[in-house]
Amino acid sequence: MALHELTVPKLGAYMSEATVLEWKAKEGEWVEKGTIVLEIETEKIKYAIEAEASGFLHILVQEGSSVPVGTVLGIIAETREEFEALGRERREEARGGQERERIFITPLARRLAEEHMIDVTKVKGTGPQGRITKEDIERAMREREQAAPIKEKILEKRVKATIPLKGMRKTIAERMHRSLSEAAQVTAFGEIDAFELVRLRQALLAAEQDLRITYTDILVFATSRALREMPIVNSSIVGDEIKIWEDINVGVAVALEDGLIVPVIKNADLKSLREIAKAIRDLVSRARGGRLNVDEVTGGTFTITNLGALGAGWRFETAIINPAESAILSVGGIT
């Protein structure tokens, strides 16, 4: 018999906190060893946490909460007795907190607050010793009514739904805005004859029976060699200096359901096409499964975004440089 803690892992050298995104099991539910119990989200990635043992789940940190690395998010109790003991400890702690944070409110005010669903912890009492009165609750009700039209209608437009800008979406928005603000970006459009590229891939597909080579694999291979020949592109502006990087680390943009992530193929110029293909398969699979480490999405020196899957022909998107890199390659479909 034992208790097993679910903690926020340190997924990278610079990670300091994470947000609890979703619990995959409910309080008191039995979970099996090896199954995903919850998902957390850092500024860069989503990460799935598995149960290290089978047992009953006791949740300590609720969804939406941001906590530091090492925080215990939940506990798995191997027996029902251990789980019930955890519940008793939690209830005792809650009672202790209630006594310490006791709210002084008149009976009439409390009843009025309950009827109109007013959070009394956010109401400032004006009675003796700060006691909350009926007038305080009525004032809170008026303030809520005055604020209601603003929530329902903004700049004469009706709000259909509100999606919190947090986690990955917030990071993407902040990084892209920072990139456009800090770098003078120029987009050059070009068209190439892809006949030899198509013929090369067809030959590789015939030769590599156990590994399906994609155009993205070939692009990473070719780009990494081009960066070796033109090292000034594999650089960043740091202060008033241009730093030309020794390592050539190519990031590949991967679309997710609710955002975008750029896993990085480290030292791509030193890898064979087959090694690059295997690395991309592994990174993309784990990116979509929420199993990347922070170190696997940092350290990039150049980025490729392949929009070929969206259809053939010209596309006029202007890709935004991934800070603090100096360039990005956006590729469209083959006609």
C-alpha atoms as a PDB file:
ATOM      1  CA  MET A   1       0.000   0.000   0.000  1.00  0.00           C
ATOM      2  CA  ALA A   2       1.302   3.457  -0.890  1.00  0.00           C
ATOM      3  CA  LEU A   3       0.510   6.964  -2.066  1.00  0.00           C
ATOM      4  CA  HIS A   4       1.852   8.214  -5.390  1.00  0.00           C
ATOM      5  CA  GLU A   5       2.161  11.948  -6.082  1.00  0.00           C
ATOM      6  CA  LEU A   6       1.473  13.584  -9.452  1.00  0.00           C
ATOM      7  CA  THR A   7       3.785  16.581  -9.664  1.00  0.00           C
ATOM      8  CA  VAL A   8       4.619  19.279 -12.210  1.00  0.00           C
ATOM      9  CA  PRO A   9       7.746  17.972 -13.965  1.00  0.00           C
ATOM     10  CA  LYS A  10      10.593  20.240 -15.054  1.00  0.00           C
ATOM     11  CA  LEU A  11      10.449  19.797 -18.819  1.00  0.00           C
ATOM     12  CA  GLY A  12      13.231  22.195 -19.720  1.00  0.00           C
ATOM     13  CA  ALA A  13      16.048  24.254 -18.294  1.00  0.00           C
ATOM     14  CA  TYR A  14      14.007  27.481 -18.287  1.00  0.00           C
ATOM     15  CA  MET A  15      10.606  26.127 -17.276  1.00  0.00           C
ATOM     16  CA  SER A  16       9.337  27.572 -14.001  1.00  0.00           C
ATOM     17  CA  GLU A  17       5.573  26.878 -13.935  1.00  0.00           C
ATOM     18  CA  ALA A  18       2.696  25.158 -15.700  1.00  0.00           C
ATOM     19  CA  THR A  19      -1.083  25.397 -15.932  1.00  0.00           C
ATOM     20  CA  VAL A  20      -3.401  22.465 -15.211  1.00  0.00           C
ATOM     21  CA  LEU A  21      -5.241  22.113 -18.503  1.00  0.00           C
ATOM     22  CA  GLU A  22      -7.517  19.100 -18.049  1.00  0.00           C
ATOM     23  CA  TRP A  23      -7.993  16.207 -15.645  1.00  0.00           C
ATOM     24  CA  LYS A  24      -8.736  13.022 -17.588  1.00  0.00           C
ATOM     25  CA  ALA A  25     -10.270  11.352 -14.526  1.00  0.00           C
ATOM     26  CA  LYS A  26     -12.608  12.555 -11.771  1.00  0.00           C
ATOM     27  CA  GLU A  27     -12.043  12.812  -8.043  1.00  0.00           C
ATOM     28  CA  GLY A  28     -12.145   9.339  -6.498  1.00  0.00           C
ATOM     29  CA  GLU A  29     -12.079   7.572  -9.864  1.00  0.00           C
ATOM     30  CA  TRP A  30      -9.917   4.478 -10.319  1.00  0.00           C
ATOM     31  CA  VAL A  31      -7.021   5.024 -12.766  1.00  0.00           C
ATOM     32  CA  GLU A  32      -4.761   2.388 -14.265  1.00  0.00           C
ATOM     33  CA  LYS A  33      -0.977   2.570 -14.256  1.00  0.00           C
ATOM     34  CA  GLY A  34       0.337   4.039 -17.507  1.00  0.00           C
ATOM     35  CA  THR A  35      -2.875   5.857 -18.478  1.00  0.00           C
ATOM     36  CA  ILE A  36      -2.935   9.628 -18.981  1.00  0.00           C
ATOM     37  CA  VAL A  37      -4.369  11.243 -15.853  1.00  0.00           C
ATOM     38  CA  LEU A  38      -4.074  14.933 -16.728  1.00  0.00           C
ATOM     39  CA  GLU A  39      -2.677  17.428 -19.214  1.00  0.00           C
ATOM     40  CA  ILE A  40      -0.632  20.462 -18.249  1.00  0.00           C
ATOM     41  CA  GLU A  41       0.461  23.372 -20.402  1.00  0.00           C
ATOM     42  CA  THR A  42       3.583  25.519 -20.290  1.00  0.00           C
ATOM     43  CA  GLU A  43       4.211  28.633 -22.347  1.00  0.00           C
ATOM     44  CA  LYS A  44       5.461  26.408 -25.175  1.00  0.00           C
ATOM     45  CA  ILE A  45       3.926  22.949 -25.008  1.00  0.00           C
ATOM     46  CA  LYS A  46       1.177  20.726 -23.718  1.00  0.00           C
ATOM     47  CA  TYR A  47       2.307  17.706 -21.739  1.00  0.00           C
ATOM     48  CA  ALA A  48       0.435  14.588 -20.671  1.00  0.00           C
ATOM     49  CA  ILE A  49       1.131  13.121 -17.218  1.00  0.00           C
ATOM     50  CA  GLU A  50       0.649   9.391 -16.738  1.00  0.00           C
ATOM     51  CA  ALA A  51      -0.225   7.467 -13.600  1.00  0.00           C
ATOM     52  CA  GLU A  52       2.823   5.739 -12.155  1.00  0.00           C
ATOM     53  CA  ALA A  53       0.583   3.305 -10.280  1.00  0.00           C
ATOM     54  CA  SER A  54      -3.010   2.119 -10.267  1.00  0.00           C
ATOM     55  CA  GLY A  55      -5.357   3.505  -7.650  1.00  0.00           C
ATOM     56  CA  PHE A  56      -7.964   6.072  -6.635  1.00  0.00           C
ATOM     57  CA  LEU A  57      -7.344   9.665  -7.771  1.00  0.00           C
ATOM     58  CA  HIS A  58      -7.364  12.537  -5.291  1.00  0.00           C
ATOM     59  CA  ILE A  59      -7.181  15.956  -7.005  1.00  0.00           C
ATOM     60  CA  LEU A  60      -5.350  18.802  -5.245  1.00  0.00           C
ATOM     61  CA  VAL A  61      -5.061  21.486  -7.963  1.00  0.00           C
ATOM     62  CA  GLN A  62      -8.058  22.388 -10.109  1.00  0.00           C
ATOM     63  CA  GLU A  63      -8.108  23.007 -13.866  1.00  0.00           C
ATOM     64  CA  GLY A  64      -6.981  26.470 -14.904  1.00  0.00           C
ATOM     65  CA  SER A  65      -4.600  26.920 -11.979  1.00  0.00           C
ATOM     66  CA  SER A  66      -0.971  27.904 -12.668  1.00  0.00           C
ATOM     67  CA  VAL A  67       1.554  26.464 -10.239  1.00  0.00           C
ATOM     68  CA  PRO A  68       5.379  26.219  -9.947  1.00  0.00           C
ATOM     69  CA  VAL A  69       7.478  23.243 -11.013  1.00  0.00           C
ATOM     70  CA  GLY A  70       7.423  20.519  -8.361  1.00  0.00           C
ATOM     71  CA  THR A  71       3.905  21.286  -7.106  1.00  0.00           C
ATOM     72  CA  VAL A  72       1.886  18.202  -6.158  1.00  0.00           C
ATOM     73  CA  LEU A  73      -1.180  18.258  -8.411  1.00  0.00           C
ATOM     74  CA  GLY A  74      -2.845  15.112  -7.179  1.00  0.00           C
ATOM     75  CA  ILE A  75      -2.322  11.846  -5.326  1.00  0.00           C
ATOM     76  CA  ILE A  76      -3.069   8.276  -6.316  1.00  0.00           C
ATOM     77  CA  ALA A  77      -4.046   6.070  -3.375  1.00  0.00           C
ATOM     78  CA  GLU A  78      -3.701   2.346  -3.958  1.00  0.00           C
ATOM     79  CA  THR A  79      -6.543   1.458  -1.568  1.00  0.00           C
ATOM     80  CA  ARG A  80      -9.977   2.872  -0.801  1.00  0.00           C
ATOM     81  CA  GLU A  81      -8.952   3.302   2.856  1.00  0.00           C
ATOM     82  CA  GLU A  82      -5.989   5.480   1.913  1.00  0.00           C
ATOM     83  CA  PHE A  83      -8.159   7.571  -0.425  1.00  0.00           C
ATOM     84  CA  GLU A  84     -10.785   8.163   2.286  1.00  0.00           C
ATOM     85  CA  ALA A  85      -8.041   9.163   4.715  1.00  0.00           C
ATOM     86  CA  LEU A  86      -6.833  11.783   2.223  1.00  0.00           C
ATOM     87  CA  GLY A  87     -10.385  13.124   1.980  1.00  0.00           C
ATOM     88  CA  ARG A  88     -10.649  13.444   5.762  1.00  0.00           C
ATOM     89  CA  GLU A  89      -7.368  15.367   5.907  1.00  0.00           C
ATOM     90  CA  ARG A  90      -8.579  17.726   3.193  1.00  0.00           C
ATOM     91  CA  ARG A  91     -11.865  18.396   4.970  1.00  0.00           C
ATOM     92  CA  GLU A  92     -10.033  19.141   8.228  1.00  0.00           C
ATOM     93  CA  GLU A  93      -7.717  21.560   6.421  1.00  0.00           C
ATOM     94  CA  ALA A  94     -10.723  23.276   4.823  1.00  0.00           C
ATOM     95  CA  ARG A  95     -12.468  23.655   8.143  1.00  0.00           C
ATOM     96  CA  GLY A  96      -9.315  25.179   9.610  1.00  0.00           C
ATOM     97  CA  GLY A  97      -9.113  27.633   6.719  1.00  0.00           C
ATOM     98  CA  GLN A  98     -12.747  28.611   7.118  1.00  0.00           C
ATOM     99  CA  GLU A  99     -12.197  29.393  10.766  1.00  0.00           C
ATOM    100  CA  ARG A 100      -9.152  31.506   9.950  1.00  0.00           C
ATOM    101  CA  GLU A 101     -10.929  33.353   7.120  1.00  0.00           C
ATOM    102  CA  ARG A 102     -14.328  33.704   8.700  1.00  0.00           C
ATOM    103  CA  ILE A 103     -16.538  36.246   6.951  1.00  0.00           C
ATOM    104  CA  PHE A 104     -18.681  38.518   9.151  1.00  0.00           C
ATOM    105  CA  ILE A 105     -22.082  39.067   7.554  1.00  0.00           C
ATOM    106  CA  THR A 106     -25.601  39.697   8.845  1.00  0.00           C
ATOM    107  CA  PRO A 107     -28.143  36.838   8.433  1.00  0.00           C
ATOM    108  CA  LEU A 108     -30.310  38.979   6.130  1.00  0.00           C
ATOM    109  CA  ALA A 109     -27.325  39.894   3.957  1.00  0.00           C
ATOM    110  CA  ARG A 110     -26.215  36.257   3.715  1.00  0.00           C
ATOM    111  CA  ARG A 111     -29.700  35.130   2.658  1.00  0.00           C
ATOM    112  CA  LEU A 112     -29.900  37.902   0.038  1.00  0.00           C
ATOM    113  CA  ALA A 113     -26.432  36.997  -1.281  1.00  0.00           C
ATOM    114  CA  GLU A 114     -27.393  33.322  -1.621  1.00  0.00           C
ATOM    115  CA  GLU A 115     -30.633  34.173  -3.447  1.00  0.00           C
ATOM    116  CA  HIS A 116     -28.842  36.366  -5.986  1.00  0.00           C
ATOM    117  CA  MET A 117     -25.593  34.334  -6.166  1.00  0.00           C
ATOM    118  CA  ILE A 118     -23.332  37.118  -4.920  1.00  0.00           C
ATOM    119  CA  ASP A 119     -19.785  36.054  -3.928  1.00  0.00           C
ATOM    120  CA  VAL A 120     -19.531  37.496  -0.409  1.00  0.00           C
ATOM    121  CA  THR A 121     -15.743  37.064  -0.358  1.00  0.00           C
ATOM    122  CA  LYS A 122     -15.557  39.887  -2.916  1.00  0.00           C
ATOM    123  CA  VAL A 123     -17.918  42.255  -1.073  1.00  0.00           C
ATOM    124  CA  LYS A 124     -16.501  44.940   1.182  1.00  0.00           C
ATOM    125  CA  GLY A 125     -18.485  45.281   4.409  1.00  0.00           C
ATOM    126  CA  THR A 126     -19.416  48.734   5.695  1.00  0.00           C
ATOM    127  CA  GLY A 127     -20.976  47.638   8.986  1.00  0.00           C
ATOM    128  CA  PRO A 128     -19.339  47.541  12.442  1.00  0.00           C
ATOM    129  CA  GLN A 129     -15.903  45.756  12.314  1.00  0.00           C
ATOM    130  CA  GLY A 130     -16.334  45.397   8.548  1.00  0.00           C
ATOM    131  CA  ARG A 131     -19.493  43.300   8.782  1.00  0.00           C
ATOM    132  CA  ILE A 132     -21.317  42.856   5.450  1.00  0.00           C
ATOM    133  CA  THR A 133     -24.816  44.315   5.549  1.00  0.00           C
ATOM    134  CA  LYS A 134     -27.929  44.074   3.380  1.00  0.00           C
ATOM    135  CA  GLU A 135     -26.995  47.420   1.798  1.00  0.00           C
ATOM    136  CA  ASP A 136     -23.564  46.060   0.821  1.00  0.00           C
ATOM    137  CA  ILE A 137     -25.138  43.102  -0.997  1.00  0.00           C
ATOM    138  CA  GLU A 138     -27.644  45.377  -2.745  1.00  0.00           C
ATOM    139  CA  ARG A 139     -24.761  47.590  -3.891  1.00  0.00           C
ATOM    140  CA  ALA A 140     -22.954  44.513  -5.271  1.00  0.00           C
ATOM    141  CA  MET A 141     -26.128  43.526  -7.148  1.00  0.00           C
ATOM    142  CA  ARG A 142     -26.389  46.992  -8.732  1.00  0.00           C
ATOM    143  CA  GLU A 143     -22.726  46.908  -9.777  1.00  0.00           C
ATOM    144  CA  ARG A 144     -23.239  43.519 -11.423  1.00  0.00           C
ATOM    145  CA  GLU A 145     -26.306  44.769 -13.318  1.00  0.00           C
ATOM    146  CA  GLN A 146     -24.409  47.824 -14.553  1.00  0.00           C
ATOM    147  CA  ALA A 147     -21.543  45.647 -15.792  1.00  0.00           C
ATOM    148  CA  ALA A 148     -23.812  43.117 -17.534  1.00  0.00           C
ATOM    149  CA  PRO A 149     -24.448  45.074 -20.768  1.00  0.00           C
ATOM    150  CA  ILE A 150     -20.682  45.496 -21.264  1.00  0.00           C
ATOM    151  CA  LYS A 151     -20.178  41.741 -21.136  1.00  0.00           C
ATOM    152  CA  GLU A 152     -23.016  41.025 -23.537  1.00  0.00           C
ATOM    153  CA  LYS A 153     -22.214  43.746 -26.060  1.00  0.00           C
ATOM    154  CA  ILE A 154     -18.823  45.216 -26.924  1.00  0.00           C
ATOM    155  CA  LEU A 155     -18.495  48.157 -29.341  1.00  0.00           C
ATOM    156  CA  GLU A 156     -22.052  47.523 -30.575  1.00  0.00           C
ATOM    157  CA  LYS A 157     -21.213  43.907 -31.466  1.00  0.00           C
ATOM    158  CA  ARG A 158     -22.870  40.933 -29.795  1.00  0.00           C
ATOM    159  CA  VAL A 159     -20.537  38.352 -28.276  1.00  0.00           C
ATOM    160  CA  LYS A 160     -21.217  34.785 -29.401  1.00  0.00           C
ATOM    161  CA  ALA A 161     -18.455  33.100 -27.379  1.00  0.00           C
ATOM    162  CA  THR A 162     -15.362  33.995 -25.388  1.00  0.00           C
ATOM    163  CA  ILE A 163     -12.166  31.950 -25.598  1.00  0.00           C
ATOM    164  CA  PRO A 164      -9.517  32.732 -22.956  1.00  0.00           C
ATOM    165  CA  LEU A 165      -6.225  33.838 -24.498  1.00  0.00           C
ATOM    166  CA  LYS A 166      -3.849  31.741 -22.441  1.00  0.00           C
ATOM    167  CA  GLY A 167      -1.201  29.056 -22.645  1.00  0.00           C
ATOM    168  CA  MET A 168      -0.092  28.200 -26.172  1.00  0.00           C
ATOM    169  CA  ARG A 169      -2.427  30.663 -27.923  1.00  0.00           C
ATOM    170  CA  LYS A 170      -1.232  33.518 -25.715  1.00  0.00           C
ATOM    171  CA  THR A 171       2.418  32.619 -26.277  1.00  0.00           C
ATOM    172  CA  ILE A 172       1.942  32.480 -30.061  1.00  0.00           C
ATOM    173  CA  ALA A 173       0.215  35.877 -30.063  1.00  0.00           C
ATOM    174  CA  GLU A 174       2.897  37.478 -27.884  1.00  0.00           C
ATOM    175  CA  ARG A 175       5.851  35.995 -29.791  1.00  0.00           C
ATOM    176  CA  MET A 176       4.477  36.856 -33.232  1.00  0.00           C
ATOM    177  CA  HIS A 177       3.648  40.412 -32.162  1.00  0.00           C
ATOM    178  CA  ARG A 178       7.121  40.795 -30.653  1.00  0.00           C
ATOM    179  CA  SER A 179       8.701  39.464 -33.845  1.00  0.00           C
ATOM    180  CA  LEU A 180       6.861  41.978 -36.022  1.00  0.00           C
ATOM    181  CA  SER A 181       7.690  44.801 -33.599  1.00  0.00           C
ATOM    182  CA  GLU A 182      11.409  44.041 -33.289  1.00  0.00           C
ATOM    183  CA  ALA A 183      12.377  42.876 -36.787  1.00  0.00           C
ATOM    184  CA  ALA A 184      12.106  44.702 -40.112  1.00  0.00           C
ATOM    185  CA  GLN A 185      10.602  41.812 -42.088  1.00  0.00           C
ATOM    186  CA  VAL A 186      10.574  41.543 -45.873  1.00  0.00           C
ATOM    187  CA  THR A 187       8.825  38.686 -47.691  1.00  0.00           C
ATOM    188  CA  ALA A 188      10.273  37.479 -50.982  1.00  0.00           C
ATOM    189  CA  PHE A 189       7.991  35.318 -53.154  1.00  0.00           C
ATOM    190  CA  GLY A 190       9.404  32.890 -55.675  1.00  0.00           C
ATOM    191  CA  GLU A 191       8.359  29.995 -57.877  1.00  0.00           C
ATOM    192  CA  ILE A 192      10.549  26.979 -58.662  1.00  0.00           C
ATOM    193  CA  ASP A 193      10.357  24.062 -61.046  1.00  0.00           C
ATOM    194  CA  ALA A 194       9.745  21.112 -58.716  1.00  0.00           C
ATOM    195  CA  PHE A 195      10.082  18.395 -61.364  1.00  0.00           C
ATOM    196  CA  GLU A 196      13.417  17.074 -60.058  1.00  0.00           C
ATOM    197  CA  LEU A 197      12.168  17.325 -56.463  1.00  0.00           C
ATOM    198  CA  VAL A 198       9.138  15.172 -57.274  1.00  0.00           C
ATOM    199  CA  ARG A 199      11.279  12.660 -59.168  1.00  0.00           C
ATOM    200  CA  LEU A 200      13.740  12.470 -56.269  1.00  0.00           C
ATOM    201  CA  ARG A 201      10.968  11.755 -53.771  1.00  0.00           C
ATOM    202  CA  GLN A 202       9.448   9.078 -55.982  1.00  0.00           C
ATOM    203  CA  ALA A 203      12.818   7.366 -56.188  1.00  0.00           C
ATOM    204  CA  LEU A 204      13.250   7.573 -52.410  1.00  0.00           C
ATOM    205  CA  LEU A 205       9.779   6.111 -51.808  1.00  0.00           C
ATOM    206  CA  ALA A 206      10.681   3.168 -54.016  1.00  0.00           C
ATOM    207  CA  ALA A 207      14.032   2.649 -52.271  1.00  0.00           C
ATOM    208  CA  GLU A 208      12.941   3.276 -48.644  1.00  0.00           C
ATOM    209  CA  GLN A 209      10.207   0.693 -48.171  1.00  0.00           C
ATOM    210  CA  ASP A 210      10.126   0.966 -44.363  1.00  0.00           C
ATOM    211  CA  LEU A 211      10.219   4.776 -44.165  1.00  0.00           C
ATOM    212  CA  ARG A 212       7.991   7.129 -46.152  1.00  0.00           C
ATOM    213  CA  ILE A 213      10.086  10.170 -47.039  1.00  0.00           C
ATOM    214  CA  THR A 214       8.094  13.423 -47.224  1.00  0.00           C
ATOM    215  CA  TYR A 215       8.792  16.712 -48.966  1.00  0.00           C
ATOM    216  CA  THR A 216       9.306  18.271 -45.539  1.00  0.00           C
ATOM    217  CA  ASP A 217      12.093  15.772 -44.811  1.00  0.00           C
ATOM    218  CA  ILE A 218      13.832  16.707 -48.082  1.00  0.00           C
ATOM    219  CA  LEU A 219      13.348  20.436 -47.391  1.00  0.00           C
ATOM    220  CA  VAL A 220      14.956  20.166 -43.949  1.00  0.00           C
ATOM    221  CA  PHE A 221      17.879  18.197 -45.436  1.00  0.00           C
ATOM    222  CA  ALA A 222      18.415  20.700 -48.286  1.00  0.00           C
ATOM    223  CA  THR A 223      17.892  23.810 -46.145  1.00  0.00           C
ATOM    224  CA  SER A 224      20.325  22.661 -43.460  1.00  0.00           C
ATOM    225  CA  ARG A 225      23.022  22.216 -46.150  1.00  0.00           C
ATOM    226  CA  ALA A 226      22.208  25.615 -47.642  1.00  0.00           C
ATOM    227  CA  LEU A 227      22.546  27.206 -44.196  1.00  0.00           C
ATOM    228  CA  ARG A 228      25.961  25.603 -43.867  1.00  0.00           C
ATOM    229  CA  GLU A 229      27.006  27.255 -47.153  1.00  0.00           C
ATOM    230  CA  MET A 230      25.376  30.606 -46.235  1.00  0.00           C
ATOM    231  CA  PRO A 231      26.020  30.895 -42.472  1.00  0.00           C
ATOM    232  CA  ILE A 232      24.968  34.556 -42.292  1.00  0.00           C
ATOM    233  CA  VAL A 233      21.339  33.372 -42.564  1.00  0.00           C
ATOM    234  CA  ASN A 234      21.876  31.045 -39.589  1.00  0.00           C
ATOM    235  CA  SER A 235      22.198  33.983 -37.226  1.00  0.00           C
ATOM    236  CA  SER A 236      20.499  36.294 -34.753  1.00  0.00           C
ATOM    237  CA  ILE A 237      20.866  39.938 -33.804  1.00  0.00           C
ATOM    238  CA  VAL A 238      21.864  40.158 -30.152  1.00  0.00           C
ATOM    239  CA  GLY A 239      22.161  43.733 -28.958  1.00  0.00           C
ATOM    240  CA  ASP A 240      24.307  45.524 -31.525  1.00  0.00           C
ATOM    241  CA  GLU A 241      25.955  42.330 -32.794  1.00  0.00           C
ATOM    242  CA  ILE A 242      25.113  39.612 -35.298  1.00  0.00           C
ATOM    243  CA  LYS A 243      25.709  36.196 -33.769  1.00  0.00           C
ATOM    244  CA  ILE A 244      26.362  33.487 -36.369  1.00  0.00           C
ATOM    245  CA  TRP A 245      25.463  30.176 -34.793  1.00  0.00           C
ATOM    246  CA  GLU A 246      27.709  27.142 -34.956  1.00  0.00           C
ATOM    247  CA  ASP A 247      24.785  24.723 -34.698  1.00  0.00           C
ATOM    248  CA  ILE A 248      22.184  24.473 -37.441  1.00  0.00           C
ATOM    249  CA  ASN A 249      18.902  23.645 -35.691  1.00  0.00           C
ATOM    250  CA  VAL A 250      15.913  23.594 -38.030  1.00  0.00           C
ATOM    251  CA  GLY A 251      12.418  24.028 -36.593  1.00  0.00           C
ATOM    252  CA  VAL A 252       9.415  22.526 -38.390  1.00  0.00           C
ATOM    253  CA  ALA A 253       6.023  24.165 -37.796  1.00  0.00           C
ATOM    254  CA  VAL A 254       3.386  21.605 -36.761  1.00  0.00           C
ATOM    255  CA  ALA A 255      -0.315  22.478 -36.637  1.00  0.00           C
ATOM    256  CA  LEU A 256      -2.255  21.361 -33.556  1.00  0.00           C
ATOM    257  CA  GLU A 257      -5.986  21.505 -32.814  1.00  0.00           C
ATOM    258  CA  ASP A 258      -5.689  24.701 -30.827  1.00  0.00           C
ATOM    259  CA  GLY A 259      -2.418  26.220 -31.939  1.00  0.00           C
ATOM    260  CA  LEU A 260       0.974  25.735 -33.504  1.00  0.00           C
ATOM    261  CA  ILE A 261       4.209  24.263 -32.222  1.00  0.00           C
ATOM    262  CA  VAL A 262       7.700  24.201 -33.712  1.00  0.00           C
ATOM    263  CA  PRO A 263       9.761  21.163 -32.683  1.00  0.00           C
ATOM    264  CA  VAL A 264      13.442  21.501 -33.546  1.00  0.00           C
ATOM    265  CA  ILE A 265      15.739  19.061 -35.377  1.00  0.00           C
ATOM    266  CA  LYS A 266      19.066  19.749 -33.680  1.00  0.00           C
ATOM    267  CA  ASN A 267      22.238  19.706 -35.845  1.00  0.00           C
ATOM    268  CA  ALA A 268      20.169  18.919 -38.935  1.00  0.00           C
ATOM    269  CA  ASP A 269      23.169  19.513 -41.244  1.00  0.00           C
ATOM    270  CA  LEU A 270      24.966  16.582 -39.613  1.00  0.00           C
ATOM    271  CA  LYS A 271      22.063  14.161 -40.067  1.00  0.00           C
ATOM    272  CA  SER A 272      21.313  11.977 -43.070  1.00  0.00           C
ATOM    273  CA  LEU A 273      17.975  12.265 -44.844  1.00  0.00           C
ATOM    274  CA  ARG A 274      16.856   9.052 -43.172  1.00  0.00           C
ATOM    275  CA  GLU A 275      17.856  10.354 -39.722  1.00  0.00           C
ATOM    276  CA  ILE A 276      16.003  13.615 -40.364  1.00  0.00           C
ATOM    277  CA  ALA A 277      12.880  11.736 -41.476  1.00  0.00           C
ATOM    278  CA  LYS A 278      12.902   9.573 -38.324  1.00  0.00           C
ATOM    279  CA  ALA A 279      13.479  12.607 -36.094  1.00  0.00           C
ATOM    280  CA  ILE A 280      10.588  14.527 -37.665  1.00  0.00           C
ATOM    281  CA  ARG A 281       8.219  11.520 -37.323  1.00  0.00           C
ATOM    282  CA  ASP A 282       9.093  11.178 -33.662  1.00  0.00           C
ATOM    283  CA  LEU A 283       8.789  14.903 -32.871  1.00  0.00           C
ATOM    284  CA  VAL A 284       5.503  15.389 -34.752  1.00  0.00           C
ATOM    285  CA  SER A 285       3.949  12.298 -33.162  1.00  0.00           C
ATOM    286  CA  ARG A 286       4.892  13.406 -29.664  1.00  0.00           C
ATOM    287  CA  ALA A 287       3.887  17.019 -30.382  1.00  0.00           C
ATOM    288  CA  ARG A 288       0.350  15.925 -31.254  1.00  0.00           C
ATOM    289  CA  GLY A 289       0.295  13.572 -28.277  1.00  0.00           C
ATOM    290  CA  GLY A 290       1.414  16.275 -25.829  1.00  0.00           C
ATOM    291  CA  ARG A 291       4.676  14.504 -25.010  1.00  0.00           C
ATOM    292  CA  LEU A 292       7.363  16.964 -26.085  1.00  0.00           C
ATOM    293  CA  ASN A 293       9.916  18.348 -23.662  1.00  0.00           C
ATOM    294  CA  VAL A 294      10.566  22.090 -23.597  1.00  0.00           C
ATOM    295  CA  ASP A 295      14.153  21.512 -24.767  1.00  0.00           C
ATOM    296  CA  GLU A 296      12.753  19.975 -27.975  1.00  0.00           C
ATOM    297  CA  VAL A 297      10.988  23.210 -28.967  1.00  0.00           C
ATOM    298  CA  THR A 298      13.815  25.613 -28.102  1.00  0.00           C
ATOM    299  CA  GLY A 299      17.221  26.358 -29.600  1.00  0.00           C
ATOM    300  CA  GLY A 300      16.052  26.722 -33.202  1.00  0.00           C
ATOM    301  CA  THR A 301      18.169  28.802 -35.610  1.00  0.00           C
ATOM    302  CA  PHE A 302      15.887  28.605 -38.685  1.00  0.00           C
ATOM    303  CA  THR A 303      12.271  27.547 -39.299  1.00  0.00           C
ATOM    304  CA  ILE A 304      10.399  25.853 -42.148  1.00  0.00           C
ATOM    305  CA  THR A 305       6.614  25.953 -42.508  1.00  0.00           C
ATOM    306  CA  ASN A 306       5.183  23.723 -45.220  1.00  0.00           C
ATOM    307  CA  LEU A 307       1.689  24.680 -46.392  1.00  0.00           C
ATOM    308  CA  GLY A 308       1.608  22.147 -49.213  1.00  0.00           C
ATOM    309  CA  ALA A 309      -1.028  20.060 -47.450  1.00  0.00           C
ATOM    310  CA  LEU A 310      -3.480  22.959 -47.801  1.00  0.00           C
ATOM    311  CA  GLY A 311      -3.581  22.594 -51.583  1.00  0.00           C
ATOM    312  CA  ALA A 312      -1.610  23.186 -54.754  1.00  0.00           C
ATOM    313  CA  GLY A 313      -0.914  26.482 -56.470  1.00  0.00           C
ATOM    314  CA  TRP A 314       0.107  29.927 -55.297  1.00  0.00           C
ATOM    315  CA  ARG A 315      -0.557  30.961 -51.729  1.00  0.00           C
ATOM    316  CA  PHE A 316       0.192  34.450 -50.455  1.00  0.00           C
ATOM    317  CA  GLU A 317       0.609  34.014 -46.701  1.00  0.00           C
ATOM    318  CA  THR A 318       3.484  35.996 -45.224  1.00  0.00           C
ATOM    319  CA  ALA A 319       5.196  33.808 -42.655  1.00  0.00           C
ATOM    320  CA  ILE A 320       6.371  35.599 -39.503  1.00  0.00           C
ATOM    321  CA  ILE A 321       9.957  35.032 -38.383  1.00  0.00           C
ATOM    322  CA  ASN A 322      10.300  32.970 -35.232  1.00  0.00           C
ATOM    323  CA  PRO A 323      12.125  35.209 -32.724  1.00  0.00           C
ATOM    324  CA  ALA A 324      15.081  35.552 -32.474  1.00  0.00           C
ATOM    325  CA  GLU A 325      15.906  33.889 -35.785  1.00  0.00           C
ATOM    326  CA  SER A 326      16.721  35.920 -38.888  1.00  0.00           C
ATOM    327  CA  ALA A 327      14.626  34.122 -41.525  1.00  0.00           C
ATOM    328  CA  ILE A 328      11.848  31.611 -42.165  1.00  0.00           C
ATOM    329  CA  LEU A 329      11.053  29.523 -45.245  1.00  0.00           C
ATOM    330  CA  SER A 330       7.395  29.090 -46.173  1.00  0.00           C
ATOM    331  CA  VAL A 331       6.642  26.495 -48.852  1.00  0.00           C
ATOM    332  CA  GLY A 332       3.404  26.033 -50.767  1.00  0.00           C
ATOM    333  CA  GLY A 333       1.905  23.224 -52.811  1.00  0.00           C
ATOM    334  CA  ILE A 334       3.284  21.611 -55.955  1.00  0.00           C
ATOM    335  CA  THR A 335       1.284  22.010 -59.169  1.00  0.00           C
END
